[in-house]
PDB file of N, CA and C in Angstrom:
ATOM      1  N   MET A   1      13.348   2.155   8.412  1.00  0.00           N
ATOM      2  CA  MET A   1      12.076   1.665   8.880  1.00  0.00           C
ATOM      3  C   MET A   1      11.300   0.895   7.794  1.00  0.00           C
ATOM      4  N   LEU A   2      10.688  -0.196   8.358  1.00  0.00           N
ATOM      5  CA  LEU A   2       9.865  -0.951   7.390  1.00  0.00           C
ATOM      6  C   LEU A   2       8.604  -1.110   8.144  1.00  0.00           C
ATOM      7  N   VAL A   3       7.416  -0.847   7.343  1.00  0.00           N
ATOM      8  CA  VAL A   3       6.131  -1.115   7.830  1.00  0.00           C
ATOM      9  C   VAL A   3       5.458  -2.064   7.065  1.00  0.00           C
ATOM     10  N   SER A   4       4.755  -2.967   7.561  1.00  0.00           N
ATOM     11  CA  SER A   4       4.152  -4.016   6.700  1.00  0.00           C
ATOM     12  C   SER A   4       2.625  -4.233   6.914  1.00  0.00           C
ATOM     13  N   ALA A   5       1.975  -4.542   5.997  1.00  0.00           N
ATOM     14  CA  ALA A   5       0.493  -4.910   6.325  1.00  0.00           C
ATOM     15  C   ALA A   5       0.254  -6.129   5.572  1.00  0.00           C
ATOM     16  N   ASP A   6      -0.521  -7.234   6.443  1.00  0.00           N
ATOM     17  CA  ASP A   6      -0.546  -8.330   5.614  1.00  0.00           C
ATOM     18  C   ASP A   6      -2.241  -8.591   5.220  1.00  0.00           C
ATOM     19  N   ARG A   7      -2.618  -8.766   4.136  1.00  0.00           N
ATOM     20  CA  ARG A   7      -3.967  -8.899   3.815  1.00  0.00           C
ATOM     21  C   ARG A   7      -4.235 -10.308   3.312  1.00  0.00           C
ATOM     22  N   SER A   8      -3.478 -11.102   3.561  1.00  0.00           N
ATOM     23  CA  SER A   8      -3.680 -12.761   3.219  1.00  0.00           C
ATOM     24  C   SER A   8      -4.433 -13.409   4.031  1.00  0.00           C
ATOM     25  N   ALA A   9      -4.752 -12.754   5.190  1.00  0.00           N
ATOM     26  CA  ALA A   9      -5.448 -13.649   6.176  1.00  0.00           C
ATOM     27  C   ALA A   9      -7.066 -13.623   6.247  1.00  0.00           C
ATOM     28  N   GLY A  10      -7.374 -13.248   5.106  1.00  0.00           N
ATOM     29  CA  GLY A  10      -8.841 -13.294   4.703  1.00  0.00           C
ATOM     30  C   GLY A  10      -9.641 -11.980   5.071  1.00  0.00           C
ATOM     31  N   VAL A  11      -8.852 -10.870   5.363  1.00  0.00           N
ATOM     32  CA  VAL A  11      -9.304  -9.550   5.700  1.00  0.00           C
ATOM     33  C   VAL A  11      -9.968  -9.066   4.410  1.00  0.00           C
ATOM     34  N   GLU A  12     -10.862  -8.276   4.535  1.00  0.00           N
ATOM     35  CA  GLU A  12     -11.506  -7.742   3.352  1.00  0.00           C
ATOM     36  C   GLU A  12     -11.248  -6.359   3.020  1.00  0.00           C
ATOM     37  N   GLU A  13     -10.086  -5.835   3.453  1.00  0.00           N
ATOM     38  CA  GLU A  13      -9.671  -4.498   3.401  1.00  0.00           C
ATOM     39  C   GLU A  13      -9.211  -4.274   1.987  1.00  0.00           C
ATOM     40  N   SER A  14      -9.530  -3.137   1.303  1.00  0.00           N
ATOM     41  CA  SER A  14      -9.068  -2.979   0.082  1.00  0.00           C
ATOM     42  C   SER A  14      -7.424  -2.624   0.089  1.00  0.00           C
ATOM     43  N   LEU A  15      -6.906  -2.704  -1.031  1.00  0.00           N
ATOM     44  CA  LEU A  15      -5.285  -2.409  -1.277  1.00  0.00           C
ATOM     45  C   LEU A  15      -5.254  -1.034  -0.702  1.00  0.00           C
ATOM     46  N   SER A  16      -6.119  -0.024  -1.340  1.00  0.00           N
ATOM     47  CA  SER A  16      -5.895   1.365  -0.998  1.00  0.00           C
ATOM     48  C   SER A  16      -5.870   1.676   0.408  1.00  0.00           C
ATOM     49  N   VAL A  17      -6.804   1.060   1.168  1.00  0.00           N
ATOM     50  CA  VAL A  17      -6.874   1.090   2.483  1.00  0.00           C
ATOM     51  C   VAL A  17      -5.756   0.551   3.257  1.00  0.00           C
ATOM     52  N   SER A  18      -5.085  -0.591   2.764  1.00  0.00           N
ATOM     53  CA  SER A  18      -3.976  -1.231   3.239  1.00  0.00           C
ATOM     54  C   SER A  18      -2.731  -0.171   3.167  1.00  0.00           C
ATOM     55  N   ILE A  19      -2.633   0.351   1.913  1.00  0.00           N
ATOM     56  CA  ILE A  19      -1.537   1.310   1.716  1.00  0.00           C
ATOM     57  C   ILE A  19      -1.520   2.672   2.527  1.00  0.00           C
ATOM     58  N   VAL A  20      -2.835   3.196   2.620  1.00  0.00           N
ATOM     59  CA  VAL A  20      -3.033   4.328   3.347  1.00  0.00           C
ATOM     60  C   VAL A  20      -2.684   3.967   4.894  1.00  0.00           C
ATOM     61  N   SER A  21      -3.201   2.963   5.345  1.00  0.00           N
ATOM     62  CA  SER A  21      -2.918   2.460   6.694  1.00  0.00           C
ATOM     63  C   SER A  21      -1.432   2.341   7.216  1.00  0.00           C
ATOM     64  N   ALA A  22      -0.833   1.703   6.182  1.00  0.00           N
ATOM     65  CA  ALA A  22       0.657   1.444   6.126  1.00  0.00           C
ATOM     66  C   ALA A  22       1.353   2.758   6.446  1.00  0.00           C
ATOM     67  N   ILE A  23       1.132   3.592   5.428  1.00  0.00           N
ATOM     68  CA  ILE A  23       1.713   5.210   5.481  1.00  0.00           C
ATOM     69  C   ILE A  23       1.434   5.837   6.910  1.00  0.00           C
ATOM     70  N   ALA A  24       0.132   5.610   7.224  1.00  0.00           N
ATOM     71  CA  ALA A  24      -0.267   6.309   8.488  1.00  0.00           C
ATOM     72  C   ALA A  24       0.471   6.004   9.573  1.00  0.00           C
ATOM     73  N   ASN A  25       0.763   4.766   9.719  1.00  0.00           N
ATOM     74  CA  ASN A  25       1.492   3.840  10.791  1.00  0.00           C
ATOM     75  C   ASN A  25       3.072   4.283  10.673  1.00  0.00           C
ATOM     76  N   ALA A  26       3.600   4.445   9.422  1.00  0.00           N
ATOM     77  CA  ALA A  26       4.945   4.984   9.457  1.00  0.00           C
ATOM     78  C   ALA A  26       4.919   6.363   9.851  1.00  0.00           C
ATOM     79  N   GLU A  27       4.003   7.213   9.816  1.00  0.00           N
ATOM     80  CA  GLU A  27       3.870   8.714  10.118  1.00  0.00           C
ATOM     81  C   GLU A  27       3.580   9.009  11.327  1.00  0.00           C
ATOM     82  N   GLY A  28       2.938   7.739  12.098  1.00  0.00           N
ATOM     83  CA  GLY A  28       2.480   7.934  13.481  1.00  0.00           C
ATOM     84  C   GLY A  28       1.112   8.689  13.424  1.00  0.00           C
ATOM     85  N   VAL A  29       0.302   8.682  12.357  1.00  0.00           N
ATOM     86  CA  VAL A  29      -0.924   9.557  12.351  1.00  0.00           C
ATOM     87  C   VAL A  29      -2.091   8.501  12.086  1.00  0.00           C
ATOM     88  N   ASP A  30      -3.212   9.079  12.371  1.00  0.00           N
ATOM     89  CA  ASP A  30      -4.574   8.253  12.072  1.00  0.00           C
ATOM     90  C   ASP A  30      -4.655   8.097  10.594  1.00  0.00           C
ATOM     91  N   PRO A  31      -5.116   7.026   9.880  1.00  0.00           N
ATOM     92  CA  PRO A  31      -5.309   6.893   8.596  1.00  0.00           C
ATOM     93  C   PRO A  31      -6.034   7.902   7.744  1.00  0.00           C
ATOM     94  N   THR A  32      -6.963   8.707   8.443  1.00  0.00           N
ATOM     95  CA  THR A  32      -7.961   9.511   7.996  1.00  0.00           C
ATOM     96  C   THR A  32      -7.016  10.863   7.779  1.00  0.00           C
ATOM     97  N   ALA A  33      -5.941  11.051   8.367  1.00  0.00           N
ATOM     98  CA  ALA A  33      -5.303  12.181   8.158  1.00  0.00           C
ATOM     99  C   ALA A  33      -4.353  12.171   6.907  1.00  0.00           C
ATOM    100  N   ILE A  34      -4.126  11.097   6.237  1.00  0.00           N
ATOM    101  CA  ILE A  34      -3.456  10.974   5.049  1.00  0.00           C
ATOM    102  C   ILE A  34      -4.300  11.310   3.916  1.00  0.00           C
ATOM    103  N   ARG A  35      -4.201  12.695   3.680  1.00  0.00           N
ATOM    104  CA  ARG A  35      -5.327  13.313   2.775  1.00  0.00           C
ATOM    105  C   ARG A  35      -4.726  14.764   2.241  1.00  0.00           C
ATOM    106  N   PRO A  36      -4.879  14.999   1.276  1.00  0.00           N
ATOM    107  CA  PRO A  36      -4.477  16.459   0.590  1.00  0.00           C
ATOM    108  C   PRO A  36      -5.153  17.444   1.688  1.00  0.00           C
ATOM    109  N   PRO A  37      -4.571  18.503   1.976  1.00  0.00           N
ATOM    110  CA  PRO A  37      -3.341  19.018   1.331  1.00  0.00           C
ATOM    111  C   PRO A  37      -2.039  18.462   1.979  1.00  0.00           C
ATOM    112  N   GLU A  38      -2.149  17.944   3.315  1.00  0.00           N
ATOM    113  CA  GLU A  38      -0.981  17.545   4.094  1.00  0.00           C
ATOM    114  C   GLU A  38      -0.096  16.366   3.342  1.00  0.00           C
ATOM    115  N   TYR A  39      -0.944  15.510   2.797  1.00  0.00           N
ATOM    116  CA  TYR A  39      -0.372  14.366   2.018  1.00  0.00           C
ATOM    117  C   TYR A  39      -0.864  14.295   0.703  1.00  0.00           C
ATOM    118  N   GLU A  40      -0.310  13.634  -0.297  1.00  0.00           N
ATOM    119  CA  GLU A  40      -0.688  13.495  -1.546  1.00  0.00           C
ATOM    120  C   GLU A  40      -1.750  12.527  -1.615  1.00  0.00           C
ATOM    121  N   ALA A  41      -2.573  12.314  -2.525  1.00  0.00           N
ATOM    122  CA  ALA A  41      -3.568  11.561  -2.884  1.00  0.00           C
ATOM    123  C   ALA A  41      -3.105  10.319  -3.442  1.00  0.00           C
ATOM    124  N   LEU A  42      -3.350   9.187  -3.089  1.00  0.00           N
ATOM    125  CA  LEU A  42      -2.848   7.623  -3.719  1.00  0.00           C
ATOM    126  C   LEU A  42      -3.204   7.815  -5.209  1.00  0.00           C
ATOM    127  N   TYR A  43      -4.324   8.331  -5.767  1.00  0.00           N
ATOM    128  CA  TYR A  43      -4.609   8.271  -7.127  1.00  0.00           C
ATOM    129  C   TYR A  43      -3.697   9.207  -7.965  1.00  0.00           C
ATOM    130  N   HIS A  44      -2.905   9.992  -7.365  1.00  0.00           N
ATOM    131  CA  HIS A  44      -1.920  10.714  -8.127  1.00  0.00           C
ATOM    132  C   HIS A  44      -0.737   9.903  -8.441  1.00  0.00           C
ATOM    133  N   VAL A  45      -0.322   8.852  -7.736  1.00  0.00           N
ATOM    134  CA  VAL A  45       0.767   8.123  -8.082  1.00  0.00           C
ATOM    135  C   VAL A  45       0.488   6.906  -8.562  1.00  0.00           C
ATOM    136  N   CYS A  46      -0.721   6.175  -8.353  1.00  0.00           N
ATOM    137  CA  CYS A  46      -1.159   5.025  -8.963  1.00  0.00           C
ATOM    138  C   CYS A  46      -2.686   4.940  -9.378  1.00  0.00           C
ATOM    139  N   ASN A  47      -3.208   3.998 -10.170  1.00  0.00           N
ATOM    140  CA  ASN A  47      -4.473   3.808 -10.330  1.00  0.00           C
ATOM    141  C   ASN A  47      -4.937   2.723  -9.044  1.00  0.00           C
ATOM    142  N   PRO A  48      -5.642   3.070  -8.209  1.00  0.00           N
ATOM    143  CA  PRO A  48      -6.127   2.261  -7.186  1.00  0.00           C
ATOM    144  C   PRO A  48      -6.833   1.173  -7.674  1.00  0.00           C
ATOM    145  N   ASP A  49      -7.896   1.311  -8.654  1.00  0.00           N
ATOM    146  CA  ASP A  49      -8.705   0.370  -9.133  1.00  0.00           C
ATOM    147  C   ASP A  49      -7.809  -0.663 -10.164  1.00  0.00           C
ATOM    148  N   ALA A  50      -6.886  -0.288 -10.915  1.00  0.00           N
ATOM    149  CA  ALA A  50      -5.953  -1.205 -11.510  1.00  0.00           C
ATOM    150  C   ALA A  50      -5.116  -1.980 -10.562  1.00  0.00           C
ATOM    151  N   LEU A  51      -4.568  -1.467  -9.452  1.00  0.00           N
ATOM    152  CA  LEU A  51      -3.947  -2.113  -8.396  1.00  0.00           C
ATOM    153  C   LEU A  51      -4.833  -3.458  -7.794  1.00  0.00           C
ATOM    154  N   GLU A  52      -5.960  -3.084  -7.569  1.00  0.00           N
ATOM    155  CA  GLU A  52      -7.219  -3.880  -7.078  1.00  0.00           C
ATOM    156  C   GLU A  52      -7.382  -5.101  -8.062  1.00  0.00           C
ATOM    157  N   SER A  53      -7.435  -4.628  -9.375  1.00  0.00           N
ATOM    158  CA  SER A  53      -7.575  -5.654 -10.284  1.00  0.00           C
ATOM    159  C   SER A  53      -6.381  -6.563 -10.560  1.00  0.00           C
ATOM    160  N   LEU A  54      -5.402  -5.937 -10.491  1.00  0.00           N
ATOM    161  CA  LEU A  54      -4.130  -6.672 -10.848  1.00  0.00           C
ATOM    162  C   LEU A  54      -3.922  -7.861  -9.547  1.00  0.00           C
ATOM    163  N   PHE A  55      -4.080  -7.334  -8.376  1.00  0.00           N
ATOM    164  CA  PHE A  55      -3.918  -8.361  -7.113  1.00  0.00           C
ATOM    165  C   PHE A  55      -5.278  -8.823  -6.706  1.00  0.00           C
ATOM    166  N   SER A  56      -6.170  -8.912  -7.377  1.00  0.00           N
ATOM    167  CA  SER A  56      -7.597  -9.523  -6.938  1.00  0.00           C
ATOM    168  C   SER A  56      -7.375 -11.234  -6.737  1.00  0.00           C
ATOM    169  N   TYR A  57      -7.910 -11.609  -5.536  1.00  0.00           N
ATOM    170  CA  TYR A  57      -7.769 -13.074  -5.207  1.00  0.00           C
ATOM    171  C   TYR A  57      -8.530 -13.808  -6.359  1.00  0.00           C
ATOM    172  N   ASP A  58      -7.891 -14.771  -6.806  1.00  0.00           N
ATOM    173  CA  ASP A  58      -8.436 -15.802  -7.710  1.00  0.00           C
ATOM    174  C   ASP A  58      -7.567 -17.081  -7.822  1.00  0.00           C
ATOM    175  N   ASP A  59      -7.887 -17.852  -8.585  1.00  0.00           N
ATOM    176  CA  ASP A  59      -7.090 -19.143  -8.570  1.00  0.00           C
ATOM    177  C   ASP A  59      -5.638 -19.041  -9.169  1.00  0.00           C
ATOM    178  N   ASP A  60      -5.429 -17.842  -9.742  1.00  0.00           N
ATOM    179  CA  ASP A  60      -4.139 -17.669 -10.521  1.00  0.00           C
ATOM    180  C   ASP A  60      -3.077 -17.121  -9.213  1.00  0.00           C
ATOM    181  N   ALA A  61      -2.036 -17.977  -8.873  1.00  0.00           N
ATOM    182  CA  ALA A  61      -1.242 -17.688  -7.888  1.00  0.00           C
ATOM    183  C   ALA A  61       0.028 -17.215  -8.412  1.00  0.00           C
ATOM    184  N   THR A  62       0.001 -16.592  -9.487  1.00  0.00           N
ATOM    185  CA  THR A  62       1.070 -16.237 -10.020  1.00  0.00           C
ATOM    186  C   THR A  62       1.930 -15.038  -9.440  1.00  0.00           C
ATOM    187  N   PRO A  63       3.118 -15.198  -9.074  1.00  0.00           N
ATOM    188  CA  PRO A  63       3.730 -14.093  -8.145  1.00  0.00           C
ATOM    189  C   PRO A  63       4.111 -12.942  -8.897  1.00  0.00           C
ATOM    190  N   GLY A  64       4.140 -11.981  -8.122  1.00  0.00           N
ATOM    191  CA  GLY A  64       4.360 -10.433  -8.668  1.00  0.00           C
ATOM    192  C   GLY A  64       4.356  -9.341  -7.638  1.00  0.00           C
ATOM    193  N   SER A  65       4.715  -8.197  -8.000  1.00  0.00           N
ATOM    194  CA  SER A  65       4.732  -7.159  -7.079  1.00  0.00           C
ATOM    195  C   SER A  65       4.885  -5.945  -7.920  1.00  0.00           C
ATOM    196  N   VAL A  66       4.427  -4.610  -7.181  1.00  0.00           N
ATOM    197  CA  VAL A  66       4.432  -3.373  -7.740  1.00  0.00           C
ATOM    198  C   VAL A  66       5.075  -2.612  -6.701  1.00  0.00           C
ATOM    199  N   GLN A  67       5.948  -1.568  -7.247  1.00  0.00           N
ATOM    200  CA  GLN A  67       6.473  -0.786  -6.327  1.00  0.00           C
ATOM    201  C   GLN A  67       6.721   0.565  -6.817  1.00  0.00           C
ATOM    202  N   PHE A  68       6.080   1.467  -6.012  1.00  0.00           N
ATOM    203  CA  PHE A  68       6.106   3.071  -6.282  1.00  0.00           C
ATOM    204  C   PHE A  68       6.450   3.837  -4.970  1.00  0.00           C
ATOM    205  N   GLU A  69       6.547   5.300  -5.292  1.00  0.00           N
ATOM    206  CA  GLU A  69       6.669   6.074  -4.098  1.00  0.00           C
ATOM    207  C   GLU A  69       5.400   6.838  -3.683  1.00  0.00           C
ATOM    208  N   PHE A  70       5.150   6.573  -2.567  1.00  0.00           N
ATOM    209  CA  PHE A  70       3.947   7.558  -2.002  1.00  0.00           C
ATOM    210  C   PHE A  70       4.119   8.234  -0.788  1.00  0.00           C
ATOM    211  N   CYS A  71       4.005   9.541  -0.583  1.00  0.00           N
ATOM    212  CA  CYS A  71       4.048  10.155   0.530  1.00  0.00           C
ATOM    213  C   CYS A  71       5.727  10.103   1.010  1.00  0.00           C
ATOM    214  N   GLY A  72       6.451  10.001   0.183  1.00  0.00           N
ATOM    215  CA  GLY A  72       7.900   9.999   0.572  1.00  0.00           C
ATOM    216  C   GLY A  72       8.381   8.633   0.961  1.00  0.00           C
ATOM    217  N   TYR A  73       7.599   7.715   0.743  1.00  0.00           N
ATOM    218  CA  TYR A  73       7.972   6.293   1.164  1.00  0.00           C
ATOM    219  C   TYR A  73       8.051   5.312   0.031  1.00  0.00           C
ATOM    220  N   ASP A  74       8.762   4.322  -0.100  1.00  0.00           N
ATOM    221  CA  ASP A  74       8.682   3.305  -1.102  1.00  0.00           C
ATOM    222  C   ASP A  74       7.621   2.226  -0.718  1.00  0.00           C
ATOM    223  N   VAL A  75       6.566   2.009  -1.574  1.00  0.00           N
ATOM    224  CA  VAL A  75       5.778   1.208  -1.250  1.00  0.00           C
ATOM    225  C   VAL A  75       5.749  -0.025  -2.329  1.00  0.00           C
ATOM    226  N   THR A  76       5.677  -1.189  -1.435  1.00  0.00           N
ATOM    227  CA  THR A  76       5.717  -2.688  -2.224  1.00  0.00           C
ATOM    228  C   THR A  76       4.335  -3.278  -2.208  1.00  0.00           C
ATOM    229  N   VAL A  77       3.790  -3.444  -3.174  1.00  0.00           N
ATOM    230  CA  VAL A  77       2.586  -4.395  -3.032  1.00  0.00           C
ATOM    231  C   VAL A  77       2.604  -5.753  -3.678  1.00  0.00           C
ATOM    232  N   THR A  78       2.612  -6.857  -3.043  1.00  0.00           N
ATOM    233  CA  THR A  78       2.847  -8.251  -3.733  1.00  0.00           C
ATOM    234  C   THR A  78       1.692  -8.915  -4.057  1.00  0.00           C
ATOM    235  N   SER A  79       1.736  -9.938  -4.832  1.00  0.00           N
ATOM    236  CA  SER A  79       0.501 -10.620  -5.217  1.00  0.00           C
ATOM    237  C   SER A  79      -0.062 -11.616  -4.069  1.00  0.00           C
ATOM    238  N   ASP A  80       0.726 -11.643  -2.973  1.00  0.00           N
ATOM    239  CA  ASP A  80       0.046 -12.397  -1.722  1.00  0.00           C
ATOM    240  C   ASP A  80      -0.614 -11.628  -0.964  1.00  0.00           C
ATOM    241  N   GLY A  81      -0.685 -10.295  -1.247  1.00  0.00           N
ATOM    242  CA  GLY A  81      -1.568  -9.302  -0.518  1.00  0.00           C
ATOM    243  C   GLY A  81      -0.949  -8.656   0.581  1.00  0.00           C
ATOM    244  N   SER A  82       0.434  -8.752   0.486  1.00  0.00           N
ATOM    245  CA  SER A  82       1.284  -7.851   1.479  1.00  0.00           C
ATOM    246  C   SER A  82       1.501  -6.366   0.964  1.00  0.00           C
ATOM    247  N   VAL A  83       1.649  -5.486   1.878  1.00  0.00           N
ATOM    248  CA  VAL A  83       2.012  -4.197   1.610  1.00  0.00           C
ATOM    249  C   VAL A  83       3.189  -3.728   2.557  1.00  0.00           C
ATOM    250  N   SER A  84       4.062  -3.444   1.832  1.00  0.00           N
ATOM    251  CA  SER A  84       5.356  -2.851   2.514  1.00  0.00           C
ATOM    252  C   SER A  84       5.683  -1.652   2.301  1.00  0.00           C
ATOM    253  N   VAL A  85       5.957  -0.690   3.381  1.00  0.00           N
ATOM    254  CA  VAL A  85       6.264   0.628   3.099  1.00  0.00           C
ATOM    255  C   VAL A  85       7.742   0.944   3.991  1.00  0.00           C
ATOM    256  N   SER A  86       8.569   1.468   3.279  1.00  0.00           N
ATOM    257  CA  SER A  86       9.915   1.854   3.770  1.00  0.00           C
ATOM    258  C   SER A  86      10.313   3.081   3.470  1.00  0.00           C
ATOM    259  N   ASP A  87      11.123   3.588   4.374  1.00  0.00           N
ATOM    260  CA  ASP A  87      11.777   4.947   4.064  1.00  0.00           C
ATOM    261  C   ASP A  87      12.906   4.738   3.075  1.00  0.00           C
ATOM    262  N   PRO A  88      12.927   5.509   2.139  1.00  0.00           N
ATOM    263  CA  PRO A  88      13.751   5.490   0.951  1.00  0.00           C
ATOM    264  C   PRO A  88      15.306   5.603   1.509  1.00  0.00           C
ATOM    265  N   GLY A  89      15.408   6.449   2.549  1.00  0.00           N
ATOM    266  CA  GLY A  89      16.924   6.585   3.134  1.00  0.00           C
ATOM    267  C   GLY A  89      17.381   5.566   4.150  1.00  0.00           C
ATOM    268  N   SER A  90      16.520   4.620   4.414  1.00  0.00           N
ATOM    269  CA  SER A  90      16.880   3.499   5.337  1.00  0.00           C
ATOM    270  C   SER A  90      17.507   2.303   4.792  1.00  0.00           C
ATOM    271  N   GLU A  91      17.531   2.352   3.407  1.00  0.00           N
ATOM    272  CA  GLU A  91      18.123   1.109   2.733  1.00  0.00           C
ATOM    273  C   GLU A  91      19.375   1.106   2.472  1.00  0.00           C
TER     274      GLU A  91
END
């Protein structure tokens, strides 16, 4: 299963919110349910401020991506603002 969120269409949503929303979509729950103790906190697996800084929109269109595991899913964040969440067992 692959769930994607596209932030490139001018949406002012933070990467953290996009990541949590994509996980919630994959889990079939409301994004507000993605919190401890049922789910791990995003800041336990990455630094949300560093992610925002790394992929902030500016004139530098250098391509890149960051991958990490969060709540049992493989998460990929790319420099174009997209967030993809996939089940590690589905590859």
